[in-house]
Amino acid sequence: MTTSETRSAARGRDTAAANVRAYGGITPEAWRGRGRYVEMPDCRVFAVELGAGAAGDAAKTPLLILHGFPTSSWDFAECASILARERRVVLFDFLGFGFSDKPHDAGYSLFEQAEVASAVARSFGLGSAHIWGHDMGTSVTTELLSRRERGNLPFEVASVTLMNGSVHIEMASLTLGQKILRTPAGGLFSRIANRNVFVRQMRRIFGKQPAPEALDGMWDLMAREEGTLRMPQLIKYVDERYRFRRRWIGALERNDLPFLVAWGAKDPVAVLPIAERLANETPGAEDLVTWDDLGHYPQVEDPPRVAETIASFLRRVDDGTASGPRSGRGFCGAGARRGRRRAARGESEKGDRER
């Protein structure tokens, strides 16, 4: 290990050790205590299952959550705890993120991350699951849908929710840090990155500013085990979004599942026009739901409101009243235009009553 790598690793350990405050009542270490490791042939990934004893959980399809770059499943700790009151919720850290392994010689392709998602689903016995993807997790979701089309997915998909992800990468506005990481200077940038730089970058993409402990935890989980040094490798998923656009956008254009697009409208990265395009081009998509005061991390900015929006959609899917190809209600084909956008502004999104 080089001197720079040693300093980076020490910086990550010291920061994590110092962080004892809880975001949403759950510290990163407490979150780690709730989970376990899923063994794969060449790595271990961290995963958490919540709600196994929830009332009626056996009759409700579980939810599989896919987090984004550069953070982890801990982003969803509070949201998942709310949703777990009525169904099983499974979350995990992608390879290279959070508490999962961060090998220096991994490829970190979205195809590999889709393998991780499938392995987690198998490990927790998910024969069927709703999928909720955020940020990078939206593109992993599209790869899972592509595998489903080809008969190569080891579980059934009950519904899909995409939230604040640059699926249409040509429309995105990447942060300065993301742009630097994609250049030859990315390696140097990852070595000199520190908490202050991280916090400044992150605050710019929130609509509703989070508590300091939320950003502390995000940094801790990213920096642990030389995580900052993996950023130039991890960011290459952006290139894959361009390269495999036909495969992944095509899977959306041929969608036959209940589908929700839910978006923080103040997101300066995965901008609102991306959401509008997804809602317009995806068969079976419900009217676009927006949180007009939230940014790129809705699940961190207002967990109760976001959790209720998602819970309302999942209930409608479970009871067969969600808009989409399977219910035959409110369906728009891939070329149709939708003129409506439903804003979820209040403390609780009253989806069932509004429809």
Protein backbone atom coordinates (compact mmCIF):
# COMPACT_ATOMS: atom_id res chain seq x y z
CA MET A 1 0.00 0.00 0.00
CA THR A 2 1.33 3.44 -0.89
CA THR A 3 1.74 6.27 1.62
CA SER A 4 -1.30 8.02 0.10
CA GLU A 5 -3.39 4.87 0.42
CA THR A 6 -2.32 4.41 4.04
CA ARG A 7 -3.28 7.98 4.89
CA SER A 8 -6.63 7.61 3.12
CA ALA A 9 -7.45 4.38 4.94
CA ALA A 10 -6.50 5.89 8.28
CA ARG A 11 -8.60 8.96 7.56
CA GLY A 12 -11.63 6.75 6.83
CA ARG A 13 -11.16 4.69 10.01
CA ASP A 14 -10.68 7.73 12.22
CA THR A 15 -13.76 9.45 10.84
CA ALA A 16 -15.92 6.37 11.30
CA ALA A 17 -14.69 5.89 14.85
CA ALA A 18 -15.50 9.48 15.70
CA ASN A 19 -19.04 9.38 14.34
CA VAL A 20 -21.38 8.31 17.12
CA ARG A 21 -24.41 10.40 16.20
CA ALA A 22 -27.47 8.81 14.69
CA TYR A 23 -29.36 9.81 11.56
CA GLY A 24 -33.01 8.81 11.90
CA GLY A 25 -32.12 7.14 15.20
CA ILE A 26 -29.77 4.65 13.51
CA THR A 27 -25.98 5.06 13.46
CA PRO A 28 -24.00 3.36 10.69
CA GLU A 29 -22.65 0.87 13.20
CA ALA A 30 -26.15 0.13 14.50
CA TRP A 31 -27.21 -0.39 10.88
CA ARG A 32 -24.34 -2.81 10.43
CA GLY A 33 -25.54 -4.69 13.50
CA ARG A 34 -28.92 -5.27 11.88
CA GLY A 35 -27.45 -6.94 8.81
CA ARG A 36 -25.32 -9.84 7.66
CA TYR A 37 -22.93 -10.64 4.86
CA VAL A 38 -23.92 -12.50 1.72
CA GLU A 39 -21.05 -14.60 0.42
CA MET A 40 -20.32 -14.56 -3.30
CA PRO A 41 -17.54 -16.50 -5.04
CA ASP A 42 -15.10 -13.59 -4.95
CA CYS A 43 -16.52 -11.10 -2.43
CA ARG A 44 -18.89 -10.41 0.44
CA VAL A 45 -21.73 -7.91 0.30
CA PHE A 46 -23.56 -6.45 3.25
CA ALA A 47 -27.34 -6.81 3.42
CA VAL A 48 -30.17 -6.01 5.83
CA GLU A 49 -33.63 -7.55 6.12
CA LEU A 50 -36.35 -5.67 7.97
CA GLY A 51 -40.01 -6.44 8.64
CA ALA A 52 -39.85 -10.23 8.63
CA GLY A 53 -42.39 -10.21 11.46
CA ALA A 54 -44.60 -7.41 10.13
CA ALA A 55 -48.34 -7.95 10.37
CA GLY A 56 -49.49 -9.62 7.17
CA ASP A 57 -45.97 -9.66 5.71
CA ALA A 58 -46.38 -13.19 4.37
CA ALA A 59 -49.24 -12.02 2.14
CA LYS A 60 -47.39 -8.98 0.81
CA THR A 61 -44.63 -9.05 -1.76
CA PRO A 62 -41.23 -8.02 -0.32
CA LEU A 63 -39.42 -4.86 -1.41
CA LEU A 64 -35.83 -4.91 -2.70
CA ILE A 65 -34.08 -1.51 -2.52
CA LEU A 66 -31.11 -0.55 -4.73
CA HIS A 67 -29.12 2.46 -3.51
CA GLY A 68 -27.06 4.98 -5.47
CA PHE A 69 -23.57 6.39 -5.96
CA PRO A 70 -21.51 7.15 -3.87
CA THR A 71 -23.45 6.18 -0.76
CA SER A 72 -25.10 3.02 0.61
CA SER A 73 -28.20 1.26 1.89
CA TRP A 74 -27.98 3.36 5.07
CA ASP A 75 -29.53 6.20 3.03
CA PHE A 76 -32.78 4.25 3.31
CA ALA A 77 -32.54 3.30 6.99
CA GLU A 78 -35.47 5.43 8.12
CA CYS A 79 -37.62 4.90 5.03
CA ALA A 80 -37.08 1.15 5.14
CA SER A 81 -37.97 1.01 8.82
CA ILE A 82 -41.30 2.69 8.06
CA LEU A 83 -42.07 0.44 5.10
CA ALA A 84 -41.11 -2.64 7.12
CA ARG A 85 -44.15 -2.13 9.33
CA GLU A 86 -46.23 -3.87 6.68
CA ARG A 87 -43.87 -5.94 4.50
CA ARG A 88 -40.39 -7.43 4.30
CA VAL A 89 -37.76 -5.01 3.06
CA VAL A 90 -34.33 -6.15 1.86
CA LEU A 91 -31.51 -3.67 1.30
CA PHE A 92 -27.83 -4.16 0.55
CA ASP A 93 -24.63 -2.30 -0.25
CA PHE A 94 -23.37 -2.75 -3.79
CA LEU A 95 -19.83 -4.04 -4.22
CA GLY A 96 -17.45 -1.16 -3.47
CA PHE A 97 -19.96 0.72 -1.30
CA GLY A 98 -20.82 1.01 2.39
CA PHE A 99 -20.01 -2.10 4.43
CA SER A 100 -19.50 -4.37 1.41
CA ASP A 101 -16.08 -5.44 0.21
CA LYS A 102 -14.10 -2.89 -1.80
CA PRO A 103 -11.45 -4.89 -3.69
CA HIS A 104 -8.90 -2.85 -5.62
CA ASP A 105 -9.04 -5.16 -8.65
CA ALA A 106 -12.81 -5.44 -9.16
CA GLY A 107 -14.45 -4.27 -12.38
CA TYR A 108 -17.44 -2.61 -10.67
CA SER A 109 -19.56 -2.90 -13.79
CA LEU A 110 -23.31 -2.46 -13.49
CA PHE A 111 -23.53 -6.02 -14.82
CA GLU A 112 -21.56 -7.16 -11.75
CA GLN A 113 -23.81 -5.10 -9.51
CA ALA A 114 -26.83 -6.80 -11.05
CA GLU A 115 -25.23 -10.12 -10.11
CA VAL A 116 -24.92 -8.82 -6.56
CA ALA A 117 -28.61 -7.89 -6.50
CA SER A 118 -29.57 -11.34 -7.77
CA ALA A 119 -27.34 -13.04 -5.18
CA VAL A 120 -28.94 -11.04 -2.38
CA ALA A 121 -32.43 -11.93 -3.63
CA ARG A 122 -31.51 -15.62 -3.66
CA SER A 123 -29.89 -15.44 -0.23
CA PHE A 124 -33.05 -13.99 1.32
CA GLY A 125 -35.36 -16.33 -0.56
CA LEU A 126 -37.10 -13.65 -2.60
CA GLY A 127 -39.17 -15.53 -5.12
CA SER A 128 -40.86 -12.27 -6.06
CA ALA A 129 -40.08 -8.65 -5.15
CA HIS A 130 -40.97 -5.05 -5.81
CA ILE A 131 -37.85 -3.12 -6.88
CA TRP A 132 -37.10 0.46 -5.80
CA GLY A 133 -34.00 1.95 -7.42
CA HIS A 134 -32.30 5.27 -6.70
CA ASP A 135 -29.50 7.02 -8.64
CA MET A 136 -27.07 4.31 -9.86
CA GLY A 137 -29.58 1.78 -8.59
CA THR A 138 -32.00 2.85 -11.33
CA SER A 139 -29.58 1.60 -13.98
CA VAL A 140 -29.02 -1.67 -12.13
CA THR A 141 -32.80 -1.97 -12.10
CA THR A 142 -32.92 -1.60 -15.89
CA GLU A 143 -30.32 -4.36 -16.22
CA LEU A 144 -32.44 -6.61 -14.01
CA LEU A 145 -35.43 -5.86 -16.26
CA SER A 146 -33.32 -6.71 -19.30
CA ARG A 147 -32.40 -10.06 -17.73
CA ARG A 148 -36.05 -10.66 -16.92
CA GLU A 149 -36.92 -10.20 -20.60
CA ARG A 150 -34.34 -12.85 -21.46
CA GLY A 151 -35.47 -15.29 -18.77
CA ASN A 152 -32.26 -14.86 -16.78
CA LEU A 153 -33.54 -13.34 -13.54
CA PRO A 154 -33.81 -15.66 -10.51
CA PHE A 155 -36.89 -13.93 -9.06
CA GLU A 156 -40.16 -12.45 -10.28
CA VAL A 157 -40.55 -8.65 -10.37
CA ALA A 158 -43.87 -7.39 -8.98
CA SER A 159 -43.37 -3.69 -9.72
CA VAL A 160 -40.69 -1.09 -10.36
CA THR A 161 -40.10 2.33 -8.80
CA LEU A 162 -37.40 4.60 -10.20
CA MET A 163 -36.32 7.65 -8.18
CA ASN A 164 -33.84 10.40 -9.08
CA GLY A 165 -31.53 8.48 -11.35
CA SER A 166 -29.87 9.62 -14.58
CA VAL A 167 -31.18 6.75 -16.67
CA HIS A 168 -31.14 9.13 -19.62
CA ILE A 169 -27.52 10.06 -19.00
CA GLU A 170 -27.41 12.47 -21.94
CA MET A 171 -29.85 14.71 -20.03
CA ALA A 172 -28.02 14.63 -16.68
CA SER A 173 -25.91 17.41 -15.16
CA LEU A 174 -23.08 15.67 -13.32
CA THR A 175 -21.50 17.24 -10.26
CA LEU A 176 -18.01 18.72 -10.46
CA GLY A 177 -16.68 15.81 -8.41
CA GLN A 178 -18.20 13.25 -10.77
CA LYS A 179 -16.73 15.06 -13.76
CA ILE A 180 -13.23 15.11 -12.22
CA LEU A 181 -13.42 11.43 -11.23
CA ARG A 182 -14.05 10.54 -14.88
CA THR A 183 -10.84 12.28 -16.02
CA PRO A 184 -7.19 11.18 -15.71
CA ALA A 185 -7.05 13.42 -12.62
CA GLY A 186 -9.65 11.23 -10.89
CA GLY A 187 -7.07 9.14 -9.08
CA LEU A 188 -5.39 12.18 -7.54
CA PHE A 189 -8.76 13.71 -6.64
CA SER A 190 -9.81 10.52 -4.84
CA ARG A 191 -6.60 10.64 -2.74
CA ILE A 192 -6.98 14.22 -1.60
CA ALA A 193 -10.75 14.04 -1.05
CA ASN A 194 -11.83 14.72 2.51
CA ARG A 195 -14.99 15.16 4.51
CA ASN A 196 -15.22 18.91 3.90
CA VAL A 197 -14.98 18.52 0.12
CA PHE A 198 -17.55 15.72 0.22
CA VAL A 199 -20.03 17.70 2.35
CA ARG A 200 -19.77 20.78 0.14
CA GLN A 201 -20.45 18.72 -2.97
CA MET A 202 -23.34 16.83 -1.40
CA ARG A 203 -25.11 19.88 0.03
CA ARG A 204 -25.46 21.28 -3.47
CA ILE A 205 -27.69 18.41 -4.58
CA PHE A 206 -30.17 18.47 -1.69
CA GLY A 207 -33.39 20.44 -1.91
CA LYS A 208 -34.03 20.18 1.80
CA GLN A 209 -30.76 20.23 3.73
CA PRO A 210 -30.10 17.12 5.82
CA ALA A 211 -28.87 16.99 9.39
CA PRO A 212 -25.06 17.06 9.71
CA GLU A 213 -25.06 13.51 11.05
CA ALA A 214 -26.59 12.25 7.82
CA LEU A 215 -23.68 13.63 5.80
CA ASP A 216 -21.19 12.42 8.43
CA GLY A 217 -22.54 8.90 8.06
CA MET A 218 -22.48 9.04 4.28
CA TRP A 219 -18.83 10.10 4.35
CA ASP A 220 -17.91 7.47 6.93
CA LEU A 221 -19.41 4.68 4.89
CA MET A 222 -17.89 5.87 1.64
CA ALA A 223 -14.40 6.39 3.13
CA ARG A 224 -14.11 3.14 5.11
CA GLU A 225 -11.75 0.45 3.81
CA GLU A 226 -10.07 2.79 1.28
CA GLY A 227 -13.44 3.52 -0.26
CA THR A 228 -12.44 6.94 -1.60
CA LEU A 229 -9.72 5.27 -3.69
CA ARG A 230 -12.37 3.15 -5.43
CA MET A 231 -14.32 6.17 -6.69
CA PRO A 232 -12.56 6.43 -10.11
CA GLN A 233 -13.42 2.76 -10.73
CA LEU A 234 -16.98 3.02 -9.46
CA ILE A 235 -17.81 6.13 -11.53
CA LYS A 236 -17.28 4.16 -14.74
CA TYR A 237 -20.90 3.09 -14.51
CA VAL A 238 -21.66 6.45 -16.15
CA ASP A 239 -19.88 5.29 -19.31
CA GLU A 240 -21.95 2.10 -19.29
CA ARG A 241 -25.12 4.17 -19.28
CA TYR A 242 -24.07 5.52 -22.68
CA ARG A 243 -22.72 2.23 -24.01
CA PHE A 244 -25.69 0.04 -23.08
CA ARG A 245 -28.43 2.59 -23.60
CA ARG A 246 -30.22 0.47 -26.20
CA ARG A 247 -30.36 -2.53 -23.87
CA TRP A 248 -31.52 -0.64 -20.79
CA ILE A 249 -33.84 2.00 -22.25
CA GLY A 250 -35.23 -0.71 -24.49
CA ALA A 251 -36.21 -2.74 -21.43
CA LEU A 252 -38.16 0.25 -20.13
CA GLU A 253 -39.87 0.87 -23.47
CA ARG A 254 -41.08 -2.74 -23.43
CA ASN A 255 -42.18 -2.65 -19.79
CA ASP A 256 -45.19 -4.78 -18.79
CA LEU A 257 -45.04 -4.19 -15.03
CA PRO A 258 -46.70 -1.69 -12.67
CA PHE A 259 -44.26 1.22 -12.73
CA LEU A 260 -43.83 4.38 -10.66
CA VAL A 261 -41.58 7.37 -11.36
CA ALA A 262 -41.12 9.37 -8.12
CA TRP A 263 -38.78 12.36 -8.11
CA GLY A 264 -37.29 15.14 -6.02
CA ALA A 265 -38.00 18.05 -8.36
CA LYS A 266 -35.11 20.19 -7.10
CA ASP A 267 -32.50 17.64 -8.15
CA PRO A 268 -29.73 19.47 -10.08
CA VAL A 269 -28.13 16.22 -11.29
CA ALA A 270 -30.91 13.82 -12.34
CA VAL A 271 -33.04 16.72 -13.48
CA LEU A 272 -36.84 16.67 -13.62
CA PRO A 273 -37.02 16.36 -17.44
CA ILE A 274 -35.47 12.89 -17.05
CA ALA A 275 -38.39 11.88 -14.85
CA GLU A 276 -40.90 13.37 -17.26
CA ARG A 277 -39.36 11.45 -20.14
CA LEU A 278 -39.41 8.18 -18.17
CA ALA A 279 -43.06 8.69 -17.27
CA ASN A 280 -43.91 9.44 -20.90
CA GLU A 281 -42.01 6.61 -22.56
CA THR A 282 -42.56 3.72 -20.13
CA PRO A 283 -45.71 1.66 -20.73
CA GLY A 284 -47.70 1.27 -17.54
CA ALA A 285 -46.08 4.18 -15.72
CA GLU A 286 -48.36 5.96 -13.28
CA ASP A 287 -48.59 9.73 -13.37
CA LEU A 288 -45.22 11.17 -12.36
CA VAL A 289 -45.13 11.86 -8.61
CA THR A 290 -42.86 14.71 -7.53
CA TRP A 291 -41.76 16.13 -4.22
CA ASP A 292 -41.38 19.74 -5.28
CA ASP A 293 -39.23 20.81 -2.32
CA LEU A 294 -36.82 17.84 -2.37
CA GLY A 295 -33.60 17.22 -4.29
CA HIS A 296 -31.46 14.24 -5.25
CA TYR A 297 -31.89 12.28 -1.99
CA PRO A 298 -35.64 12.35 -1.20
CA GLN A 299 -35.33 9.35 1.12
CA VAL A 300 -32.87 11.26 3.30
CA GLU A 301 -34.52 14.67 3.04
CA ASP A 302 -38.04 13.63 4.11
CA PRO A 303 -38.23 9.90 4.94
CA PRO A 304 -41.84 9.76 6.25
CA ARG A 305 -43.31 11.51 3.21
CA VAL A 306 -41.26 9.46 0.74
CA ALA A 307 -42.05 6.20 2.53
CA GLU A 308 -45.79 6.92 2.39
CA THR A 309 -45.64 7.63 -1.35
CA ILE A 310 -43.87 4.31 -1.96
CA ALA A 311 -46.10 2.40 0.47
CA SER A 312 -49.24 3.73 -1.21
CA PHE A 313 -48.05 2.55 -4.62
CA LEU A 314 -47.04 -0.89 -3.33
CA ARG A 315 -50.43 -1.34 -1.65
CA ARG A 316 -52.18 -0.57 -4.94
CA VAL A 317 -49.98 -3.09 -6.75
CA ASP A 318 -50.64 -5.74 -4.12
CA ASP A 319 -54.41 -5.28 -4.31
CA GLY A 320 -54.45 -5.00 -8.12
CA THR A 321 -55.57 -1.38 -8.41
CA ALA A 322 -52.29 0.20 -9.57
CA SER A 323 -52.28 1.77 -13.02
CA GLY A 324 -50.43 -0.33 -15.56
CA PRO A 325 -50.59 -3.11 -18.12
CA ARG A 326 -51.69 -5.73 -15.61
CA SER A 327 -54.63 -3.79 -14.23
CA GLY A 328 -55.63 -2.29 -17.57
CA ARG A 329 -56.32 1.08 -15.93
CA GLY A 330 -54.61 4.31 -16.89
CA PHE A 331 -52.28 2.66 -19.38
CA CYS A 332 -50.35 4.80 -21.85
CA GLY A 333 -48.23 3.29 -24.59
CA ALA A 334 -44.57 4.08 -25.11
CA GLY A 335 -45.32 6.88 -27.57
CA ALA A 336 -48.13 8.50 -25.58
CA ARG A 337 -47.79 11.84 -23.83
CA ARG A 338 -48.83 12.43 -20.26
CA GLY A 339 -49.93 15.90 -19.29
CA ARG A 340 -50.30 15.32 -15.56
CA ARG A 341 -47.73 15.54 -12.80
CA ARG A 342 -48.84 14.78 -9.28
CA ALA A 343 -46.93 16.69 -6.61
CA ALA A 344 -46.56 15.15 -3.17
CA ARG A 345 -46.05 18.26 -1.07
CA GLY A 346 -47.64 17.52 2.28
CA GLU A 347 -46.38 15.65 5.30
CA SER A 348 -48.00 12.51 3.92
CA GLU A 349 -48.70 11.77 0.25
CA LYS A 350 -52.37 10.85 0.02
CA GLY A 351 -52.08 8.74 -3.10
CA ASP A 352 -55.05 6.43 -2.58
CA ARG A 353 -57.48 9.26 -1.88
CA GLU A 354 -56.28 11.47 -4.75
CA ARG A 355 -56.68 8.83 -7.44
